[in-house]
Amino acid sequence: MQEKLDKHFIKDYLQRHKYCVIATVSAEGKPEAALVAFSESDNLEIIFGTSMDSRKFADILGNPNIAVVIGWEDQATMQYEGAARVLEDSEWAALSHKHLTKQPASANFQDSPDERYIAVTPKWIRYVEKALDPRTITAREVTF
């Protein structure tokens, strides 16, 4: 029987990590992945910035469904699937302080006319821990 994943646990896990790998799909159906610096909103959205010239930005405009992997140390990882959208200026204004506090290097890009901010709303999240001795896998998940 699989245990349900608690939202407080998810938020704590997201707060403890600064980077994630996002996977998108191109218009030609090819998978693409990128490491991004991220922050999280109070409702468990993942927030990251990207250039309008990036492959991931074009991919998200064509297909907003993305997959994310967060953490890989200590044999634990969070898998996160969701729908991405470009933030409106007012949404970014409400989230920018928190994002730039967690990711101060992102301030170097925020005034670029090509920079856009993406929010990913979760649809499904799974947390997995693997132990080697004894060899066990523990998984918890939640669907939104």
N, C-alpha and C. Protein backbone atom coordinates (compact mmCIF):
# COMPACT_ATOMS: atom_id res chain seq x y z
N MET A 1 0.84 -1.18 0.00
CA MET A 1 0.00 0.00 0.00
C MET A 1 0.89 1.25 0.00
N GLN A 2 0.57 2.16 -0.88
CA GLN A 2 1.38 3.36 -1.02
C GLN A 2 0.83 4.50 -0.16
N GLU A 3 1.72 5.12 0.59
CA GLU A 3 1.37 6.22 1.46
C GLU A 3 1.14 7.49 0.63
N LYS A 4 0.17 8.30 1.04
CA LYS A 4 -0.08 9.57 0.34
C LYS A 4 0.97 10.59 0.76
N LEU A 5 1.37 11.42 -0.18
CA LEU A 5 2.39 12.43 0.04
C LEU A 5 1.76 13.68 0.64
N ASP A 6 2.32 14.16 1.74
CA ASP A 6 1.81 15.31 2.47
C ASP A 6 2.32 16.61 1.82
N LYS A 7 1.44 17.61 1.67
CA LYS A 7 1.81 18.88 1.04
C LYS A 7 2.86 19.64 1.82
N HIS A 8 2.87 19.52 3.14
CA HIS A 8 3.90 20.18 3.96
C HIS A 8 5.28 19.56 3.68
N PHE A 9 5.30 18.25 3.51
CA PHE A 9 6.55 17.57 3.18
C PHE A 9 7.07 18.05 1.83
N ILE A 10 6.17 18.17 0.84
CA ILE A 10 6.56 18.64 -0.49
C ILE A 10 7.16 20.04 -0.41
N LYS A 11 6.48 20.94 0.28
CA LYS A 11 6.95 22.31 0.38
C LYS A 11 8.32 22.37 1.04
N ASP A 12 8.51 21.63 2.11
CA ASP A 12 9.80 21.59 2.79
C ASP A 12 10.89 21.06 1.87
N TYR A 13 10.59 20.02 1.12
CA TYR A 13 11.56 19.44 0.18
C TYR A 13 11.94 20.46 -0.90
N LEU A 14 10.93 21.13 -1.46
CA LEU A 14 11.20 22.14 -2.48
C LEU A 14 12.07 23.27 -1.92
N GLN A 15 11.79 23.70 -0.71
CA GLN A 15 12.55 24.79 -0.10
C GLN A 15 14.00 24.42 0.14
N ARG A 16 14.29 23.14 0.36
CA ARG A 16 15.65 22.70 0.64
C ARG A 16 16.50 22.52 -0.62
N HIS A 17 15.89 22.65 -1.78
CA HIS A 17 16.62 22.45 -3.04
C HIS A 17 16.60 23.72 -3.87
N LYS A 18 17.69 23.97 -4.59
CA LYS A 18 17.81 25.18 -5.39
C LYS A 18 17.72 24.91 -6.89
N TYR A 19 17.95 23.67 -7.30
CA TYR A 19 18.00 23.34 -8.73
C TYR A 19 17.13 22.14 -9.02
N CYS A 20 16.64 22.11 -10.25
CA CYS A 20 15.88 20.96 -10.71
C CYS A 20 16.17 20.77 -12.20
N VAL A 21 15.82 19.61 -12.70
CA VAL A 21 15.91 19.34 -14.13
C VAL A 21 14.49 19.31 -14.66
N ILE A 22 14.25 20.12 -15.69
CA ILE A 22 12.93 20.10 -16.33
C ILE A 22 13.05 19.41 -17.68
N ALA A 23 12.02 18.69 -18.03
CA ALA A 23 11.97 18.00 -19.31
C ALA A 23 10.75 18.49 -20.07
N THR A 24 11.00 18.87 -21.32
CA THR A 24 9.94 19.35 -22.21
C THR A 24 9.98 18.53 -23.49
N VAL A 25 9.02 18.80 -24.36
CA VAL A 25 8.98 18.11 -25.65
C VAL A 25 8.90 19.17 -26.75
N SER A 26 9.77 19.02 -27.75
CA SER A 26 9.81 19.99 -28.85
C SER A 26 8.61 19.81 -29.78
N ALA A 27 8.44 20.74 -30.68
CA ALA A 27 7.36 20.65 -31.67
C ALA A 27 7.51 19.40 -32.54
N GLU A 28 8.74 18.92 -32.69
CA GLU A 28 9.02 17.71 -33.47
C GLU A 28 8.86 16.44 -32.65
N GLY A 29 8.48 16.59 -31.37
CA GLY A 29 8.27 15.44 -30.50
C GLY A 29 9.55 14.93 -29.84
N LYS A 30 10.63 15.70 -29.89
CA LYS A 30 11.89 15.29 -29.29
C LYS A 30 11.96 15.75 -27.83
N PRO A 31 12.42 14.88 -26.94
CA PRO A 31 12.56 15.28 -25.54
C PRO A 31 13.75 16.21 -25.37
N GLU A 32 13.62 17.16 -24.46
CA GLU A 32 14.69 18.09 -24.14
C GLU A 32 14.68 18.30 -22.64
N ALA A 33 15.87 18.40 -22.04
CA ALA A 33 15.97 18.59 -20.60
C ALA A 33 16.96 19.70 -20.29
N ALA A 34 16.73 20.37 -19.17
CA ALA A 34 17.61 21.47 -18.77
C ALA A 34 17.62 21.60 -17.25
N LEU A 35 18.79 21.94 -16.73
CA LEU A 35 18.93 22.26 -15.32
C LEU A 35 18.55 23.72 -15.13
N VAL A 36 17.67 24.01 -14.17
CA VAL A 36 17.27 25.39 -13.90
C VAL A 36 17.30 25.65 -12.40
N ALA A 37 17.57 26.90 -12.06
CA ALA A 37 17.44 27.36 -10.68
C ALA A 37 15.96 27.67 -10.46
N PHE A 38 15.40 27.24 -9.34
CA PHE A 38 13.97 27.43 -9.14
C PHE A 38 13.66 27.93 -7.74
N SER A 39 12.47 28.45 -7.61
CA SER A 39 11.88 28.73 -6.31
C SER A 39 10.49 28.09 -6.33
N GLU A 40 9.80 28.19 -5.22
CA GLU A 40 8.48 27.57 -5.12
C GLU A 40 7.49 28.58 -4.55
N SER A 41 6.26 28.47 -5.01
CA SER A 41 5.20 29.33 -4.48
C SER A 41 4.55 28.62 -3.29
N ASP A 42 3.70 29.33 -2.58
CA ASP A 42 3.02 28.73 -1.43
C ASP A 42 2.07 27.61 -1.83
N ASN A 43 1.64 27.60 -3.10
CA ASN A 43 0.75 26.53 -3.55
C ASN A 43 1.50 25.47 -4.35
N LEU A 44 2.81 25.32 -4.06
CA LEU A 44 3.67 24.25 -4.59
C LEU A 44 4.01 24.39 -6.07
N GLU A 45 3.80 25.57 -6.65
CA GLU A 45 4.24 25.78 -8.02
C GLU A 45 5.76 25.95 -8.05
N ILE A 46 6.38 25.47 -9.10
CA ILE A 46 7.80 25.69 -9.33
C ILE A 46 7.92 26.91 -10.23
N ILE A 47 8.81 27.84 -9.85
CA ILE A 47 9.01 29.08 -10.58
C ILE A 47 10.45 29.11 -11.09
N PHE A 48 10.64 29.44 -12.37
CA PHE A 48 12.00 29.60 -12.90
C PHE A 48 11.98 30.61 -14.04
N GLY A 49 13.14 31.16 -14.32
CA GLY A 49 13.29 32.11 -15.41
C GLY A 49 13.99 31.46 -16.59
N THR A 50 13.71 31.99 -17.77
CA THR A 50 14.37 31.51 -18.99
C THR A 50 14.30 32.58 -20.06
N SER A 51 15.16 32.47 -21.01
CA SER A 51 15.16 33.39 -22.14
C SER A 51 14.09 32.99 -23.15
N MET A 52 13.51 33.99 -23.79
CA MET A 52 12.55 33.70 -24.86
C MET A 52 13.21 32.96 -26.02
N ASP A 53 14.54 33.00 -26.11
CA ASP A 53 15.27 32.32 -27.17
C ASP A 53 15.61 30.87 -26.85
N SER A 54 15.28 30.43 -25.64
CA SER A 54 15.65 29.07 -25.23
C SER A 54 14.72 28.02 -25.85
N ARG A 55 15.24 26.81 -25.97
CA ARG A 55 14.42 25.71 -26.48
C ARG A 55 13.26 25.43 -25.54
N LYS A 56 13.53 25.48 -24.22
CA LYS A 56 12.47 25.16 -23.26
C LYS A 56 11.31 26.13 -23.34
N PHE A 57 11.61 27.41 -23.61
CA PHE A 57 10.54 28.40 -23.73
C PHE A 57 9.65 28.07 -24.93
N ALA A 58 10.26 27.79 -26.07
CA ALA A 58 9.49 27.42 -27.27
C ALA A 58 8.69 26.14 -27.03
N ASP A 59 9.32 25.17 -26.36
CA ASP A 59 8.63 23.91 -26.06
C ASP A 59 7.39 24.14 -25.20
N ILE A 60 7.54 24.97 -24.16
CA ILE A 60 6.43 25.24 -23.24
C ILE A 60 5.29 25.94 -23.94
N LEU A 61 5.62 26.87 -24.85
CA LEU A 61 4.55 27.54 -25.61
C LEU A 61 3.78 26.55 -26.48
N GLY A 62 4.48 25.55 -27.00
CA GLY A 62 3.84 24.55 -27.86
C GLY A 62 3.14 23.44 -27.09
N ASN A 63 3.69 23.09 -25.93
CA ASN A 63 3.13 22.01 -25.11
C ASN A 63 3.48 22.30 -23.66
N PRO A 64 2.52 22.76 -22.87
CA PRO A 64 2.82 23.18 -21.50
C PRO A 64 3.07 22.04 -20.51
N ASN A 65 2.89 20.80 -20.93
CA ASN A 65 3.10 19.67 -20.01
C ASN A 65 4.59 19.39 -19.87
N ILE A 66 5.08 19.46 -18.62
CA ILE A 66 6.50 19.20 -18.39
C ILE A 66 6.67 18.26 -17.21
N ALA A 67 7.86 17.66 -17.17
CA ALA A 67 8.25 16.81 -16.05
C ALA A 67 9.47 17.45 -15.40
N VAL A 68 9.58 17.25 -14.09
CA VAL A 68 10.64 17.86 -13.31
C VAL A 68 11.21 16.79 -12.36
N VAL A 69 12.52 16.84 -12.16
CA VAL A 69 13.17 16.01 -11.14
C VAL A 69 13.92 16.94 -10.21
N ILE A 70 13.69 16.76 -8.92
CA ILE A 70 14.31 17.59 -7.89
C ILE A 70 15.04 16.67 -6.93
N GLY A 71 16.29 16.99 -6.66
CA GLY A 71 17.08 16.22 -5.70
C GLY A 71 17.51 14.88 -6.24
N TRP A 72 18.69 14.48 -5.86
CA TRP A 72 19.21 13.18 -6.27
C TRP A 72 20.26 12.70 -5.28
N GLU A 73 20.45 13.48 -4.24
CA GLU A 73 21.40 13.09 -3.21
C GLU A 73 20.74 12.11 -2.24
N ASP A 74 21.57 11.36 -1.55
CA ASP A 74 21.08 10.42 -0.53
C ASP A 74 20.03 9.45 -1.07
N GLN A 75 20.10 9.13 -2.33
CA GLN A 75 19.19 8.15 -2.93
C GLN A 75 17.71 8.55 -2.81
N ALA A 76 17.44 9.88 -2.80
CA ALA A 76 16.06 10.36 -2.71
C ALA A 76 15.82 11.36 -3.83
N THR A 77 14.61 11.34 -4.36
CA THR A 77 14.26 12.25 -5.45
C THR A 77 12.77 12.55 -5.42
N MET A 78 12.42 13.71 -5.97
CA MET A 78 11.03 14.07 -6.13
C MET A 78 10.76 14.21 -7.63
N GLN A 79 9.77 13.48 -8.08
CA GLN A 79 9.33 13.56 -9.47
C GLN A 79 8.07 14.41 -9.49
N TYR A 80 7.99 15.32 -10.43
CA TYR A 80 6.94 16.34 -10.42
C TYR A 80 6.47 16.53 -11.85
N GLU A 81 5.20 16.36 -12.09
CA GLU A 81 4.64 16.62 -13.42
C GLU A 81 3.62 17.74 -13.29
N GLY A 82 3.59 18.62 -14.29
CA GLY A 82 2.66 19.72 -14.21
C GLY A 82 2.49 20.46 -15.51
N ALA A 83 1.72 21.53 -15.44
CA ALA A 83 1.44 22.39 -16.59
C ALA A 83 2.14 23.72 -16.38
N ALA A 84 2.94 24.11 -17.37
CA ALA A 84 3.70 25.35 -17.29
C ALA A 84 2.96 26.48 -17.98
N ARG A 85 3.17 27.69 -17.45
CA ARG A 85 2.61 28.88 -18.08
C ARG A 85 3.57 30.04 -17.86
N VAL A 86 3.55 30.98 -18.78
CA VAL A 86 4.36 32.18 -18.64
C VAL A 86 3.64 33.11 -17.67
N LEU A 87 4.37 33.59 -16.67
CA LEU A 87 3.77 34.48 -15.69
C LEU A 87 3.50 35.87 -16.27
N GLU A 88 2.37 36.42 -15.92
CA GLU A 88 2.07 37.82 -16.24
C GLU A 88 2.94 38.69 -15.35
N ASP A 89 3.16 39.94 -15.74
CA ASP A 89 4.00 40.84 -14.96
C ASP A 89 3.52 40.96 -13.51
N SER A 90 2.21 41.03 -13.30
CA SER A 90 1.69 41.18 -11.95
C SER A 90 1.94 39.92 -11.11
N GLU A 91 1.88 38.75 -11.74
CA GLU A 91 2.17 37.50 -11.02
C GLU A 91 3.64 37.45 -10.63
N TRP A 92 4.51 37.83 -11.58
CA TRP A 92 5.94 37.85 -11.29
C TRP A 92 6.25 38.85 -10.18
N ALA A 93 5.62 39.99 -10.20
CA ALA A 93 5.85 41.00 -9.17
C ALA A 93 5.55 40.43 -7.78
N ALA A 94 4.52 39.61 -7.68
CA ALA A 94 4.14 39.03 -6.39
C ALA A 94 5.12 37.92 -5.95
N LEU A 95 5.81 37.30 -6.90
CA LEU A 95 6.69 36.18 -6.58
C LEU A 95 8.17 36.53 -6.64
N SER A 96 8.51 37.67 -7.20
CA SER A 96 9.91 37.99 -7.49
C SER A 96 10.78 38.07 -6.24
N HIS A 97 10.29 38.67 -5.16
CA HIS A 97 11.11 38.81 -3.96
C HIS A 97 11.51 37.43 -3.43
N LYS A 98 10.56 36.54 -3.32
CA LYS A 98 10.85 35.20 -2.81
C LYS A 98 11.82 34.47 -3.74
N HIS A 99 11.60 34.60 -5.05
CA HIS A 99 12.47 33.92 -6.02
C HIS A 99 13.90 34.47 -5.93
N LEU A 100 14.03 35.79 -5.91
CA LEU A 100 15.36 36.40 -5.90
C LEU A 100 16.07 36.21 -4.55
N THR A 101 15.33 36.02 -3.49
CA THR A 101 15.94 35.70 -2.20
C THR A 101 16.55 34.31 -2.25
N LYS A 102 15.84 33.35 -2.82
CA LYS A 102 16.36 31.99 -2.93
C LYS A 102 17.41 31.88 -4.02
N GLN A 103 17.23 32.63 -5.10
CA GLN A 103 18.11 32.55 -6.27
C GLN A 103 18.68 33.94 -6.59
N PRO A 104 19.57 34.48 -5.77
CA PRO A 104 20.06 35.85 -6.00
C PRO A 104 20.74 36.05 -7.35
N ALA A 105 21.36 35.03 -7.91
CA ALA A 105 22.01 35.17 -9.22
C ALA A 105 20.99 35.45 -10.32
N SER A 106 19.73 35.12 -10.11
CA SER A 106 18.69 35.39 -11.11
C SER A 106 18.47 36.89 -11.32
N ALA A 107 18.88 37.69 -10.36
CA ALA A 107 18.76 39.15 -10.51
C ALA A 107 19.56 39.65 -11.70
N ASN A 108 20.61 38.92 -12.08
CA ASN A 108 21.42 39.30 -13.24
C ASN A 108 20.64 39.26 -14.54
N PHE A 109 19.53 38.54 -14.58
CA PHE A 109 18.76 38.35 -15.80
C PHE A 109 17.42 39.08 -15.81
N GLN A 110 16.92 39.49 -14.66
CA GLN A 110 15.55 39.97 -14.57
C GLN A 110 15.28 41.23 -15.38
N ASP A 111 16.29 42.03 -15.67
CA ASP A 111 16.06 43.25 -16.46
C ASP A 111 16.26 43.02 -17.96
N SER A 112 16.61 41.81 -18.34
CA SER A 112 16.78 41.50 -19.75
C SER A 112 15.42 41.49 -20.44
N PRO A 113 15.29 42.15 -21.60
CA PRO A 113 14.00 42.16 -22.29
C PRO A 113 13.56 40.78 -22.77
N ASP A 114 14.50 39.83 -22.85
CA ASP A 114 14.17 38.48 -23.30
C ASP A 114 13.81 37.52 -22.17
N GLU A 115 13.99 37.95 -20.92
CA GLU A 115 13.76 37.05 -19.79
C GLU A 115 12.26 36.92 -19.52
N ARG A 116 11.83 35.68 -19.33
CA ARG A 116 10.45 35.38 -18.97
C ARG A 116 10.47 34.44 -17.78
N TYR A 117 9.40 34.50 -17.00
CA TYR A 117 9.30 33.65 -15.82
C TYR A 117 8.15 32.68 -16.01
N ILE A 118 8.43 31.44 -15.63
CA ILE A 118 7.51 30.33 -15.83
C ILE A 118 7.06 29.81 -14.47
N ALA A 119 5.78 29.49 -14.36
CA ALA A 119 5.23 28.80 -13.19
C ALA A 119 4.73 27.45 -13.65
N VAL A 120 5.04 26.43 -12.91
CA VAL A 120 4.57 25.08 -13.20
C VAL A 120 3.62 24.66 -12.09
N THR A 121 2.37 24.44 -12.45
CA THR A 121 1.35 24.01 -11.51
C THR A 121 1.37 22.49 -11.43
N PRO A 122 1.49 21.93 -10.23
CA PRO A 122 1.61 20.47 -10.13
C PRO A 122 0.31 19.75 -10.48
N LYS A 123 0.49 18.61 -11.15
CA LYS A 123 -0.61 17.68 -11.42
C LYS A 123 -0.38 16.36 -10.68
N TRP A 124 0.90 15.99 -10.54
CA TRP A 124 1.26 14.74 -9.90
C TRP A 124 2.66 14.88 -9.33
N ILE A 125 2.86 14.42 -8.10
CA ILE A 125 4.18 14.47 -7.46
C ILE A 125 4.42 13.13 -6.78
N ARG A 126 5.64 12.64 -6.95
CA ARG A 126 6.05 11.40 -6.28
C ARG A 126 7.40 11.63 -5.62
N TYR A 127 7.53 11.16 -4.39
CA TYR A 127 8.79 11.20 -3.67
C TYR A 127 9.26 9.77 -3.50
N VAL A 128 10.52 9.51 -3.84
CA VAL A 128 11.05 8.15 -3.78
C VAL A 128 12.36 8.16 -2.99
N GLU A 129 12.47 7.23 -2.05
CA GLU A 129 13.71 6.99 -1.32
C GLU A 129 14.15 5.57 -1.61
N LYS A 130 15.44 5.42 -1.90
CA LYS A 130 15.99 4.09 -2.14
C LYS A 130 17.05 3.83 -1.09
N ALA A 131 16.96 2.69 -0.44
CA ALA A 131 17.97 2.29 0.54
C ALA A 131 18.69 1.06 0.00
N LEU A 132 19.99 0.98 0.26
CA LEU A 132 20.76 -0.14 -0.25
C LEU A 132 20.84 -1.30 0.73
N ASP A 133 20.75 -1.01 2.03
CA ASP A 133 20.90 -2.08 3.00
C ASP A 133 19.86 -1.96 4.09
N PRO A 134 18.80 -2.69 4.14
CA PRO A 134 18.41 -3.63 3.09
C PRO A 134 17.85 -2.89 1.88
N ARG A 135 17.95 -3.50 0.74
CA ARG A 135 17.51 -2.87 -0.50
C ARG A 135 15.98 -2.69 -0.49
N THR A 136 15.55 -1.45 -0.38
CA THR A 136 14.12 -1.14 -0.36
C THR A 136 13.87 0.14 -1.15
N ILE A 137 12.68 0.27 -1.65
CA ILE A 137 12.24 1.48 -2.31
C ILE A 137 10.93 1.90 -1.65
N THR A 138 10.90 3.14 -1.18
CA THR A 138 9.69 3.70 -0.57
C THR A 138 9.21 4.83 -1.45
N ALA A 139 7.97 4.78 -1.85
CA ALA A 139 7.41 5.82 -2.72
C ALA A 139 6.12 6.33 -2.13
N ARG A 140 5.95 7.64 -2.20
CA ARG A 140 4.71 8.31 -1.79
C ARG A 140 4.34 9.26 -2.90
N GLU A 141 3.07 9.41 -3.20
CA GLU A 141 2.67 10.31 -4.27
C GLU A 141 1.33 10.97 -3.97
N VAL A 142 1.07 12.03 -4.74
CA VAL A 142 -0.19 12.75 -4.63
C VAL A 142 -0.56 13.25 -6.02
N THR A 143 -1.83 13.21 -6.32
CA THR A 143 -2.36 13.75 -7.58
C THR A 143 -3.21 14.95 -7.24
N PHE A 144 -3.07 15.99 -8.03
CA PHE A 144 -3.81 17.23 -7.79
C PHE A 144 -5.01 17.33 -8.72
